[in-house]
Amino acid sequence: FSKARGLLGRTLGLVGTGQIGREVATRARAFGMRVVAWSRSLTDETA
């Protein structure tokens, strides 16, 4: 159980960037994760 890969430097992919998705993104970045996302309404500016 010491074989975990860890979250640092890994990529989180979000499907949906509403209020919950945005809160998840904030917390994932705190773990040092890269965050990619797709949503029908997501623009480059908002991203």
All heavy atoms as atom14 arrays in JSON, in Angstrom:
{
  "sequence": "FSKARGLLGRTLGLVGTGQIGREVATRARAFGMRVVAWSRSLTDETA",
  "atom14_mask": [
    [1, 1, 1, 1, 1, 1, 1, 1, 1, 1, 1, 0, 0, 0],
    [1, 1, 1, 1, 1, 1, 0, 0, 0, 0, 0, 0, 0, 0],
    [1, 1, 1, 1, 1, 1, 1, 1, 1, 0, 0, 0, 0, 0],
    [1, 1, 1, 1, 1, 0, 0, 0, 0, 0, 0, 0, 0, 0],
    [1, 1, 1, 1, 1, 1, 1, 1, 1, 1, 1, 0, 0, 0],
    [1, 1, 1, 1, 0, 0, 0, 0, 0, 0, 0, 0, 0, 0],
    [1, 1, 1, 1, 1, 1, 1, 1, 0, 0, 0, 0, 0, 0],
    [1, 1, 1, 1, 1, 1, 1, 1, 0, 0, 0, 0, 0, 0],
    [1, 1, 1, 1, 0, 0, 0, 0, 0, 0, 0, 0, 0, 0],
    [1, 1, 1, 1, 1, 1, 1, 1, 1, 1, 1, 0, 0, 0],
    [1, 1, 1, 1, 1, 1, 1, 0, 0, 0, 0, 0, 0, 0],
    [1, 1, 1, 1, 1, 1, 1, 1, 0, 0, 0, 0, 0, 0],
    [1, 1, 1, 1, 0, 0, 0, 0, 0, 0, 0, 0, 0, 0],
    [1, 1, 1, 1, 1, 1, 1, 1, 0, 0, 0, 0, 0, 0],
    [1, 1, 1, 1, 1, 1, 1, 0, 0, 0, 0, 0, 0, 0],
    [1, 1, 1, 1, 0, 0, 0, 0, 0, 0, 0, 0, 0, 0],
    [1, 1, 1, 1, 1, 1, 1, 0, 0, 0, 0, 0, 0, 0],
    [1, 1, 1, 1, 0, 0, 0, 0, 0, 0, 0, 0, 0, 0],
    [1, 1, 1, 1, 1, 1, 1, 1, 1, 0, 0, 0, 0, 0],
    [1, 1, 1, 1, 1, 1, 1, 1, 0, 0, 0, 0, 0, 0],
    [1, 1, 1, 1, 0, 0, 0, 0, 0, 0, 0, 0, 0, 0],
    [1, 1, 1, 1, 1, 1, 1, 1, 1, 1, 1, 0, 0, 0],
    [1, 1, 1, 1, 1, 1, 1, 1, 1, 0, 0, 0, 0, 0],
    [1, 1, 1, 1, 1, 1, 1, 0, 0, 0, 0, 0, 0, 0],
    [1, 1, 1, 1, 1, 0, 0, 0, 0, 0, 0, 0, 0, 0],
    [1, 1, 1, 1, 1, 1, 1, 0, 0, 0, 0, 0, 0, 0],
    [1, 1, 1, 1, 1, 1, 1, 1, 1, 1, 1, 0, 0, 0],
    [1, 1, 1, 1, 1, 0, 0, 0, 0, 0, 0, 0, 0, 0],
    [1, 1, 1, 1, 1, 1, 1, 1, 1, 1, 1, 0, 0, 0],
    [1, 1, 1, 1, 1, 0, 0, 0, 0, 0, 0, 0, 0, 0],
    [1, 1, 1, 1, 1, 1, 1, 1, 1, 1, 1, 0, 0, 0],
    [1, 1, 1, 1, 0, 0, 0, 0, 0, 0, 0, 0, 0, 0],
    [1, 1, 1, 1, 1, 1, 1, 1, 0, 0, 0, 0, 0, 0],
    [1, 1, 1, 1, 1, 1, 1, 1, 1, 1, 1, 0, 0, 0],
    [1, 1, 1, 1, 1, 1, 1, 0, 0, 0, 0, 0, 0, 0],
    [1, 1, 1, 1, 1, 1, 1, 0, 0, 0, 0, 0, 0, 0],
    [1, 1, 1, 1, 1, 0, 0, 0, 0, 0, 0, 0, 0, 0],
    [1, 1, 1, 1, 1, 1, 1, 1, 1, 1, 1, 1, 1, 1],
    [1, 1, 1, 1, 1, 1, 0, 0, 0, 0, 0, 0, 0, 0],
    [1, 1, 1, 1, 1, 1, 1, 1, 1, 1, 1, 0, 0, 0],
    [1, 1, 1, 1, 1, 1, 0, 0, 0, 0, 0, 0, 0, 0],
    [1, 1, 1, 1, 1, 1, 1, 1, 0, 0, 0, 0, 0, 0],
    [1, 1, 1, 1, 1, 1, 1, 0, 0, 0, 0, 0, 0, 0],
    [1, 1, 1, 1, 1, 1, 1, 1, 0, 0, 0, 0, 0, 0],
    [1, 1, 1, 1, 1, 1, 1, 1, 1, 0, 0, 0, 0, 0],
    [1, 1, 1, 1, 1, 1, 1, 0, 0, 0, 0, 0, 0, 0],
    [1, 1, 1, 1, 1, 0, 0, 0, 0, 0, 0, 0, 0, 0]
  ],
  "atom14_positions": [
    [[0.8, -1.21, 0.0], [0.0, 0.0, 0.0], [0.84, 1.28, 0.0], [0.32, 2.37, 0.16], [-0.97, -0.02, 1.18], [-2.01, -1.1, 1.06], [-2.08, -2.14, 1.97], [-2.9, -1.09, 0.0], [-3.03, -3.14, 1.84], [-3.86, -2.08, -0.14], [-3.92, -3.11, 0.78], [0.0, 0.0, 0.0], [0.0, 0.0, 0.0], [0.0, 0.0, 0.0]],
    [[2.14, 1.13, -0.19], [3.02, 2.29, -0.35], [3.31, 2.56, -1.82], [4.14, 3.41, -2.15], [4.34, 2.07, 0.4], [4.12, 1.95, 1.78], [0.0, 0.0, 0.0], [0.0, 0.0, 0.0], [0.0, 0.0, 0.0], [0.0, 0.0, 0.0], [0.0, 0.0, 0.0], [0.0, 0.0, 0.0], [0.0, 0.0, 0.0], [0.0, 0.0, 0.0]],
    [[2.61, 1.88, -2.72], [2.89, 1.98, -4.15], [2.06, 3.05, -4.87], [2.01, 3.07, -6.09], [2.65, 0.64, -4.83], [3.59, -0.47, -4.36], [3.26, -1.78, -5.04], [4.19, -2.89, -4.57], [3.84, -4.2, -5.19], [0.0, 0.0, 0.0], [0.0, 0.0, 0.0], [0.0, 0.0, 0.0], [0.0, 0.0, 0.0], [0.0, 0.0, 0.0]],
    [[1.41, 3.92, -4.13], [0.58, 4.95, -4.76], [1.43, 5.84, -5.68], [2.57, 6.15, -5.38], [-0.08, 5.8, -3.68], [0.0, 0.0, 0.0], [0.0, 0.0, 0.0], [0.0, 0.0, 0.0], [0.0, 0.0, 0.0], [0.0, 0.0, 0.0], [0.0, 0.0, 0.0], [0.0, 0.0, 0.0], [0.0, 0.0, 0.0], [0.0, 0.0, 0.0]],
    [[0.82, 6.25, -6.78], [1.53, 7.12, -7.72], [1.49, 8.57, -7.28], [2.29, 9.38, -7.71], [0.91, 6.97, -9.11], [1.2, 5.64, -9.76], [0.42, 5.45, -11.04], [-1.0, 5.24, -10.77], [-1.92, 5.11, -11.72], [-1.56, 5.22, -12.98], [-3.18, 4.91, -11.41], [0.0, 0.0, 0.0], [0.0, 0.0, 0.0], [0.0, 0.0, 0.0]],
    [[0.52, 8.93, -6.43], [0.41, 10.31, -5.98], [-0.29, 11.18, -7.01], [-0.48, 10.8, -8.16], [0.0, 0.0, 0.0], [0.0, 0.0, 0.0], [0.0, 0.0, 0.0], [0.0, 0.0, 0.0], [0.0, 0.0, 0.0], [0.0, 0.0, 0.0], [0.0, 0.0, 0.0], [0.0, 0.0, 0.0], [0.0, 0.0, 0.0], [0.0, 0.0, 0.0]],
    [[-0.69, 12.38, -6.59], [-1.42, 13.3, -7.46], [-0.53, 14.39, -8.06], [-0.89, 14.98, -9.07], [-2.57, 13.95, -6.69], [-3.58, 13.0, -6.04], [-4.73, 13.79, -5.43], [-4.09, 11.97, -7.02], [0.0, 0.0, 0.0], [0.0, 0.0, 0.0], [0.0, 0.0, 0.0], [0.0, 0.0, 0.0], [0.0, 0.0, 0.0], [0.0, 0.0, 0.0]],
    [[0.6, 14.66, -7.43], [1.48, 15.73, -7.89], [1.93, 15.48, -9.33], [2.48, 14.42, -9.65], [2.7, 15.83, -6.98], [3.72, 16.92, -7.32], [3.1, 18.3, -7.16], [4.95, 16.8, -6.42], [0.0, 0.0, 0.0], [0.0, 0.0, 0.0], [0.0, 0.0, 0.0], [0.0, 0.0, 0.0], [0.0, 0.0, 0.0], [0.0, 0.0, 0.0]],
    [[1.67, 16.46, -10.2], [2.1, 16.37, -11.58], [1.2, 15.57, -12.48], [1.42, 15.51, -13.7], [0.0, 0.0, 0.0], [0.0, 0.0, 0.0], [0.0, 0.0, 0.0], [0.0, 0.0, 0.0], [0.0, 0.0, 0.0], [0.0, 0.0, 0.0], [0.0, 0.0, 0.0], [0.0, 0.0, 0.0], [0.0, 0.0, 0.0], [0.0, 0.0, 0.0]],
    [[0.18, 14.97, -11.93], [-0.75, 14.2, -12.75], [-1.87, 15.1, -13.28], [-2.06, 16.23, -12.81], [-1.32, 13.02, -11.96], [-0.24, 12.02, -11.55], [-0.79, 10.9, -10.72], [-1.66, 10.03, -11.52], [-2.5, 9.14, -11.0], [-2.61, 9.04, -9.68], [-3.23, 8.38, -11.77], [0.0, 0.0, 0.0], [0.0, 0.0, 0.0], [0.0, 0.0, 0.0]],
    [[-2.62, 14.62, -14.25], [-3.63, 15.44, -14.92], [-5.04, 15.03, -14.51], [-5.41, 13.87, -14.64], [-3.5, 15.31, -16.46], [-2.21, 15.78, -16.85], [-4.57, 16.12, -17.16], [0.0, 0.0, 0.0], [0.0, 0.0, 0.0], [0.0, 0.0, 0.0], [0.0, 0.0, 0.0], [0.0, 0.0, 0.0], [0.0, 0.0, 0.0], [0.0, 0.0, 0.0]],
    [[-5.78, 16.02, -14.03], [-7.2, 15.84, -13.73], [-8.01, 16.34, -14.92], [-7.8, 17.46, -15.4], [-7.6, 16.63, -12.48], [-9.11, 16.67, -12.2], [-9.62, 15.31, -11.75], [-9.44, 17.73, -11.15], [0.0, 0.0, 0.0], [0.0, 0.0, 0.0], [0.0, 0.0, 0.0], [0.0, 0.0, 0.0], [0.0, 0.0, 0.0], [0.0, 0.0, 0.0]],
    [[-8.93, 15.52, -15.41], [-9.8, 15.92, -16.49], [-11.22, 16.14, -16.0], [-11.84, 15.22, -15.46], [0.0, 0.0, 0.0], [0.0, 0.0, 0.0], [0.0, 0.0, 0.0], [0.0, 0.0, 0.0], [0.0, 0.0, 0.0], [0.0, 0.0, 0.0], [0.0, 0.0, 0.0], [0.0, 0.0, 0.0], [0.0, 0.0, 0.0], [0.0, 0.0, 0.0]],
    [[-11.72, 17.35, -16.14], [-13.07, 17.67, -15.69], [-14.05, 17.6, -16.86], [-13.8, 18.18, -17.93], [-13.12, 19.08, -15.09], [-12.39, 19.31, -13.77], [-12.45, 20.79, -13.41], [-13.01, 18.46, -12.66], [0.0, 0.0, 0.0], [0.0, 0.0, 0.0], [0.0, 0.0, 0.0], [0.0, 0.0, 0.0], [0.0, 0.0, 0.0], [0.0, 0.0, 0.0]],
    [[-15.16, 16.93, -16.65], [-16.28, 16.98, -17.58], [-17.34, 17.82, -16.89], [-18.03, 17.36, -15.99], [-16.8, 15.57, -17.9], [-18.01, 15.65, -18.84], [-15.7, 14.71, -18.52], [0.0, 0.0, 0.0], [0.0, 0.0, 0.0], [0.0, 0.0, 0.0], [0.0, 0.0, 0.0], [0.0, 0.0, 0.0], [0.0, 0.0, 0.0], [0.0, 0.0, 0.0]],
    [[-17.43, 19.08, -17.28], [-18.33, 20.02, -16.62], [-17.56, 21.0, -15.76], [-16.73, 20.59, -14.93], [0.0, 0.0, 0.0], [0.0, 0.0, 0.0], [0.0, 0.0, 0.0], [0.0, 0.0, 0.0], [0.0, 0.0, 0.0], [0.0, 0.0, 0.0], [0.0, 0.0, 0.0], [0.0, 0.0, 0.0], [0.0, 0.0, 0.0], [0.0, 0.0, 0.0]],
    [[-17.84, 22.29, -15.96], [-17.14, 23.33, -15.19], [-18.13, 24.3, -14.58], [-17.93, 25.51, -14.6], [-16.14, 24.09, -16.09], [-16.83, 24.59, -17.25], [-15.0, 23.2, -16.52], [0.0, 0.0, 0.0], [0.0, 0.0, 0.0], [0.0, 0.0, 0.0], [0.0, 0.0, 0.0], [0.0, 0.0, 0.0], [0.0, 0.0, 0.0], [0.0, 0.0, 0.0]],
    [[-19.19, 23.76, -14.01], [-20.1, 24.57, -13.23], [-19.5, 24.84, -11.87], [-18.29, 24.71, -11.66], [0.0, 0.0, 0.0], [0.0, 0.0, 0.0], [0.0, 0.0, 0.0], [0.0, 0.0, 0.0], [0.0, 0.0, 0.0], [0.0, 0.0, 0.0], [0.0, 0.0, 0.0], [0.0, 0.0, 0.0], [0.0, 0.0, 0.0], [0.0, 0.0, 0.0]],
    [[-20.33, 25.19, -10.9], [-19.81, 25.58, -9.59], [-19.03, 24.45, -8.93], [-17.96, 24.67, -8.35], [-20.96, 26.03, -8.69], [-20.5, 26.74, -7.42], [-21.64, 27.44, -6.71], [-22.79, 27.3, -7.06], [-21.31, 28.22, -5.69], [0.0, 0.0, 0.0], [0.0, 0.0, 0.0], [0.0, 0.0, 0.0], [0.0, 0.0, 0.0], [0.0, 0.0, 0.0]],
    [[-19.54, 23.22, -9.03], [-18.84, 22.09, -8.41], [-17.53, 21.82, -9.14], [-16.48, 21.63, -8.51], [-19.73, 20.84, -8.39], [-20.94, 21.06, -7.48], [-18.94, 19.62, -7.93], [-21.96, 19.95, -7.53], [0.0, 0.0, 0.0], [0.0, 0.0, 0.0], [0.0, 0.0, 0.0], [0.0, 0.0, 0.0], [0.0, 0.0, 0.0], [0.0, 0.0, 0.0]],
    [[-17.56, 21.78, -10.46], [-16.34, 21.54, -11.21], [-15.26, 22.56, -10.91], [-14.08, 22.22, -10.81], [0.0, 0.0, 0.0], [0.0, 0.0, 0.0], [0.0, 0.0, 0.0], [0.0, 0.0, 0.0], [0.0, 0.0, 0.0], [0.0, 0.0, 0.0], [0.0, 0.0, 0.0], [0.0, 0.0, 0.0], [0.0, 0.0, 0.0], [0.0, 0.0, 0.0]],
    [[-15.67, 23.8, -10.75], [-14.69, 24.85, -10.44], [-14.08, 24.66, -9.05], [-12.88, 24.89, -8.86], [-15.36, 26.22, -10.54], [-15.83, 26.54, -11.96], [-16.58, 27.83, -12.07], [-17.11, 28.01, -13.42], [-17.33, 29.17, -14.0], [-17.09, 30.29, -13.35], [-17.8, 29.23, -15.23], [0.0, 0.0, 0.0], [0.0, 0.0, 0.0], [0.0, 0.0, 0.0]],
    [[-14.9, 24.22, -8.1], [-14.38, 23.96, -6.75], [-13.41, 22.78, -6.78], [-12.39, 22.78, -6.07], [-15.54, 23.66, -5.8], [-16.46, 24.85, -5.52], [-15.85, 25.87, -4.58], [-14.78, 25.59, -3.99], [-16.44, 26.96, -4.44], [0.0, 0.0, 0.0], [0.0, 0.0, 0.0], [0.0, 0.0, 0.0], [0.0, 0.0, 0.0], [0.0, 0.0, 0.0]],
    [[-13.72, 21.78, -7.59], [-12.81, 20.64, -7.71], [-11.48, 21.08, -8.33], [-10.41, 20.68, -7.87], [-13.46, 19.53, -8.57], [-12.44, 18.42, -8.87], [-14.66, 18.93, -7.85], [0.0, 0.0, 0.0], [0.0, 0.0, 0.0], [0.0, 0.0, 0.0], [0.0, 0.0, 0.0], [0.0, 0.0, 0.0], [0.0, 0.0, 0.0], [0.0, 0.0, 0.0]],
    [[-11.56, 21.93, -9.35], [-10.33, 22.41, -10.0], [-9.43, 23.13, -9.0], [-8.21, 22.94, -8.99], [-10.68, 23.34, -11.16], [0.0, 0.0, 0.0], [0.0, 0.0, 0.0], [0.0, 0.0, 0.0], [0.0, 0.0, 0.0], [0.0, 0.0, 0.0], [0.0, 0.0, 0.0], [0.0, 0.0, 0.0], [0.0, 0.0, 0.0], [0.0, 0.0, 0.0]],
    [[-10.03, 23.98, -8.16], [-9.25, 24.71, -7.16], [-8.52, 23.76, -6.23], [-7.32, 23.95, -5.93], [-10.19, 25.62, -6.35], [-10.79, 26.59, -7.22], [-9.42, 26.35, -5.24], [0.0, 0.0, 0.0], [0.0, 0.0, 0.0], [0.0, 0.0, 0.0], [0.0, 0.0, 0.0], [0.0, 0.0, 0.0], [0.0, 0.0, 0.0], [0.0, 0.0, 0.0]],
    [[-9.21, 22.74, -5.77], [-8.6, 21.79, -4.83], [-7.57, 20.9, -5.52], [-6.54, 20.56, -4.92], [-9.71, 20.95, -4.17], [-10.51, 21.75, -3.15], [-11.9, 21.18, -2.9], [-12.59, 21.93, -1.87], [-13.15, 23.13, -2.08], [-13.1, 23.68, -3.28], [-13.76, 23.76, -1.09], [0.0, 0.0, 0.0], [0.0, 0.0, 0.0], [0.0, 0.0, 0.0]],
    [[-7.83, 20.53, -6.77], [-6.87, 19.7, -7.49], [-5.55, 20.44, -7.72], [-4.47, 19.86, -7.59], [-7.47, 19.26, -8.83], [0.0, 0.0, 0.0], [0.0, 0.0, 0.0], [0.0, 0.0, 0.0], [0.0, 0.0, 0.0], [0.0, 0.0, 0.0], [0.0, 0.0, 0.0], [0.0, 0.0, 0.0], [0.0, 0.0, 0.0], [0.0, 0.0, 0.0]],
    [[-5.65, 21.72, -8.03], [-4.42, 22.51, -8.22], [-3.63, 22.6, -6.93], [-2.39, 22.65, -6.96], [-4.77, 23.91, -8.75], [-5.26, 23.92, -10.2], [-5.14, 25.32, -10.81], [-5.79, 26.32, -9.96], [-7.07, 26.63, -10.02], [-7.88, 26.02, -10.88], [-7.6, 27.56, -9.23], [0.0, 0.0, 0.0], [0.0, 0.0, 0.0], [0.0, 0.0, 0.0]],
    [[-4.32, 22.6, -5.8], [-3.62, 22.63, -4.51], [-2.79, 21.37, -4.29], [-1.8, 21.38, -3.55], [-4.62, 22.8, -3.37], [0.0, 0.0, 0.0], [0.0, 0.0, 0.0], [0.0, 0.0, 0.0], [0.0, 0.0, 0.0], [0.0, 0.0, 0.0], [0.0, 0.0, 0.0], [0.0, 0.0, 0.0], [0.0, 0.0, 0.0], [0.0, 0.0, 0.0]],
    [[-3.19, 20.28, -4.96], [-2.41, 19.04, -4.89], [-1.32, 18.99, -5.97], [-0.65, 17.98, -6.12], [-3.34, 17.83, -5.06], [-4.07, 17.45, -3.81], [-5.36, 17.89, -3.57], [-3.47, 16.63, -2.85], [-6.04, 17.54, -2.42], [-4.15, 16.28, -1.69], [-5.43, 16.74, -1.47], [0.0, 0.0, 0.0], [0.0, 0.0, 0.0], [0.0, 0.0, 0.0]],
    [[-1.18, 20.07, -6.72], [-0.16, 20.12, -7.75], [-0.55, 19.43, -9.04], [0.31, 19.03, -9.83], [0.0, 0.0, 0.0], [0.0, 0.0, 0.0], [0.0, 0.0, 0.0], [0.0, 0.0, 0.0], [0.0, 0.0, 0.0], [0.0, 0.0, 0.0], [0.0, 0.0, 0.0], [0.0, 0.0, 0.0], [0.0, 0.0, 0.0], [0.0, 0.0, 0.0]],
    [[-1.85, 19.3, -9.28], [-2.32, 18.65, -10.49], [-2.51, 19.64, -11.63], [-2.89, 20.8, -11.41], [-3.66, 17.92, -10.23], [-3.61, 16.85, -9.16], [-5.16, 15.9, -9.06], [-4.98, 14.81, -10.48], [0.0, 0.0, 0.0], [0.0, 0.0, 0.0], [0.0, 0.0, 0.0], [0.0, 0.0, 0.0], [0.0, 0.0, 0.0], [0.0, 0.0, 0.0]],
    [[-2.25, 19.19, -12.82], [-2.64, 19.92, -14.02], [-4.12, 19.63, -14.25], [-4.56, 18.49, -14.1], [-1.81, 19.43, -15.2], [-2.28, 19.89, -16.57], [-1.55, 19.13, -17.66], [-2.04, 19.47, -18.98], [-2.25, 18.57, -19.94], [-2.01, 17.27, -19.72], [-2.68, 18.95, -21.13], [0.0, 0.0, 0.0], [0.0, 0.0, 0.0], [0.0, 0.0, 0.0]],
    [[-4.89, 20.65, -14.61], [-6.33, 20.46, -14.79], [-6.73, 20.81, -16.22], [-6.46, 21.91, -16.7], [-7.14, 21.34, -13.81], [-8.64, 21.07, -13.97], [-6.73, 21.05, -12.36], [0.0, 0.0, 0.0], [0.0, 0.0, 0.0], [0.0, 0.0, 0.0], [0.0, 0.0, 0.0], [0.0, 0.0, 0.0], [0.0, 0.0, 0.0], [0.0, 0.0, 0.0]],
    [[-7.34, 19.83, -16.9], [-7.91, 20.07, -18.22], [-9.42, 19.9, -18.1], [-9.91, 19.22, -17.19], [-7.34, 19.09, -19.27], [-5.83, 19.26, -19.4], [-7.69, 17.64, -18.94], [0.0, 0.0, 0.0], [0.0, 0.0, 0.0], [0.0, 0.0, 0.0], [0.0, 0.0, 0.0], [0.0, 0.0, 0.0], [0.0, 0.0, 0.0], [0.0, 0.0, 0.0]],
    [[-10.16, 20.53, -18.99], [-11.61, 20.51, -18.83], [-12.34, 20.64, -20.16], [-11.82, 21.24, -21.11], [-12.05, 21.63, -17.89], [0.0, 0.0, 0.0], [0.0, 0.0, 0.0], [0.0, 0.0, 0.0], [0.0, 0.0, 0.0], [0.0, 0.0, 0.0], [0.0, 0.0, 0.0], [0.0, 0.0, 0.0], [0.0, 0.0, 0.0], [0.0, 0.0, 0.0]],
    [[-13.54, 20.09, -20.17], [-14.45, 20.28, -21.29], [-15.83, 20.6, -20.74], [-16.29, 19.99, -19.76], [-14.55, 19.03, -22.16], [-15.66, 19.16, -23.19], [-15.56, 19.72, -24.43], [-17.02, 18.75, -23.03], [-16.79, 19.68, -25.07], [-17.71, 19.09, -24.23], [-17.74, 18.15, -22.0], [-19.06, 18.83, -24.41], [-19.09, 17.89, -22.17], [-19.74, 18.24, -23.38]],
    [[-16.48, 21.55, -21.36], [-17.87, 21.88, -21.09], [-18.4, 22.58, -22.33], [-17.65, 23.27, -23.02], [-18.0, 22.8, -19.87], [-19.34, 23.25, -19.73], [0.0, 0.0, 0.0], [0.0, 0.0, 0.0], [0.0, 0.0, 0.0], [0.0, 0.0, 0.0], [0.0, 0.0, 0.0], [0.0, 0.0, 0.0], [0.0, 0.0, 0.0], [0.0, 0.0, 0.0]],
    [[-19.69, 22.39, -22.61], [-20.26, 23.03, -23.79], [-20.12, 24.56, -23.73], [-20.01, 25.22, -24.75], [-21.74, 22.65, -23.93], [-21.97, 21.22, -24.39], [-23.46, 20.94, -24.59], [-23.69, 19.62, -25.17], [-23.8, 18.51, -24.46], [-23.71, 18.57, -23.15], [-24.01, 17.35, -25.05], [0.0, 0.0, 0.0], [0.0, 0.0, 0.0], [0.0, 0.0, 0.0]],
    [[-20.15, 25.1, -22.52], [-20.14, 26.56, -22.38], [-18.77, 27.13, -22.04], [-18.62, 28.35, -21.93], [-21.13, 26.97, -21.28], [-20.78, 26.38, -20.04], [0.0, 0.0, 0.0], [0.0, 0.0, 0.0], [0.0, 0.0, 0.0], [0.0, 0.0, 0.0], [0.0, 0.0, 0.0], [0.0, 0.0, 0.0], [0.0, 0.0, 0.0], [0.0, 0.0, 0.0]],
    [[-17.76, 26.28, -21.88], [-16.44, 26.76, -21.47], [-15.73, 27.44, -22.63], [-15.58, 26.88, -23.71], [-15.6, 25.59, -20.96], [-14.21, 25.95, -20.41], [-14.32, 26.85, -19.19], [-13.44, 24.67, -20.08], [0.0, 0.0, 0.0], [0.0, 0.0, 0.0], [0.0, 0.0, 0.0], [0.0, 0.0, 0.0], [0.0, 0.0, 0.0], [0.0, 0.0, 0.0]],
    [[-15.28, 28.66, -22.39], [-14.51, 29.42, -23.38], [-13.05, 29.46, -22.97], [-12.7, 29.18, -21.82], [-15.03, 30.86, -23.51], [-14.82, 31.53, -22.24], [-16.52, 30.88, -23.84], [0.0, 0.0, 0.0], [0.0, 0.0, 0.0], [0.0, 0.0, 0.0], [0.0, 0.0, 0.0], [0.0, 0.0, 0.0], [0.0, 0.0, 0.0], [0.0, 0.0, 0.0]],
    [[-12.2, 29.84, -23.91], [-10.77, 29.97, -23.59], [-10.56, 31.03, -22.5], [-9.7, 30.87, -21.63], [-9.99, 30.36, -24.84], [-9.87, 29.21, -25.84], [-9.87, 28.04, -25.4], [-9.8, 29.49, -27.05], [0.0, 0.0, 0.0], [0.0, 0.0, 0.0], [0.0, 0.0, 0.0], [0.0, 0.0, 0.0], [0.0, 0.0, 0.0], [0.0, 0.0, 0.0]],
    [[-11.33, 32.1, -22.56], [-11.18, 33.18, -21.58], [-11.54, 32.69, -20.18], [-10.81, 32.95, -19.2], [-12.07, 34.36, -21.97], [-11.65, 35.11, -23.24], [-12.0, 34.36, -24.51], [-12.83, 33.42, -24.44], [-11.45, 34.71, -25.57], [0.0, 0.0, 0.0], [0.0, 0.0, 0.0], [0.0, 0.0, 0.0], [0.0, 0.0, 0.0], [0.0, 0.0, 0.0]],
    [[-12.66, 31.97, -20.07], [-13.08, 31.45, -18.77], [-12.09, 30.41, -18.26], [-11.77, 30.37, -17.07], [-14.49, 30.84, -18.86], [-15.4, 31.85, -19.29], [-14.93, 30.31, -17.5], [0.0, 0.0, 0.0], [0.0, 0.0, 0.0], [0.0, 0.0, 0.0], [0.0, 0.0, 0.0], [0.0, 0.0, 0.0], [0.0, 0.0, 0.0], [0.0, 0.0, 0.0]],
    [[-11.6, 29.58, -19.16], [-10.62, 28.56, -18.77], [-9.37, 29.21, -18.18], [-8.82, 28.73, -17.18], [-10.25, 27.7, -19.97], [0.0, 0.0, 0.0], [0.0, 0.0, 0.0], [0.0, 0.0, 0.0], [0.0, 0.0, 0.0], [0.0, 0.0, 0.0], [0.0, 0.0, 0.0], [0.0, 0.0, 0.0], [0.0, 0.0, 0.0], [0.0, 0.0, 0.0]]
  ]
}
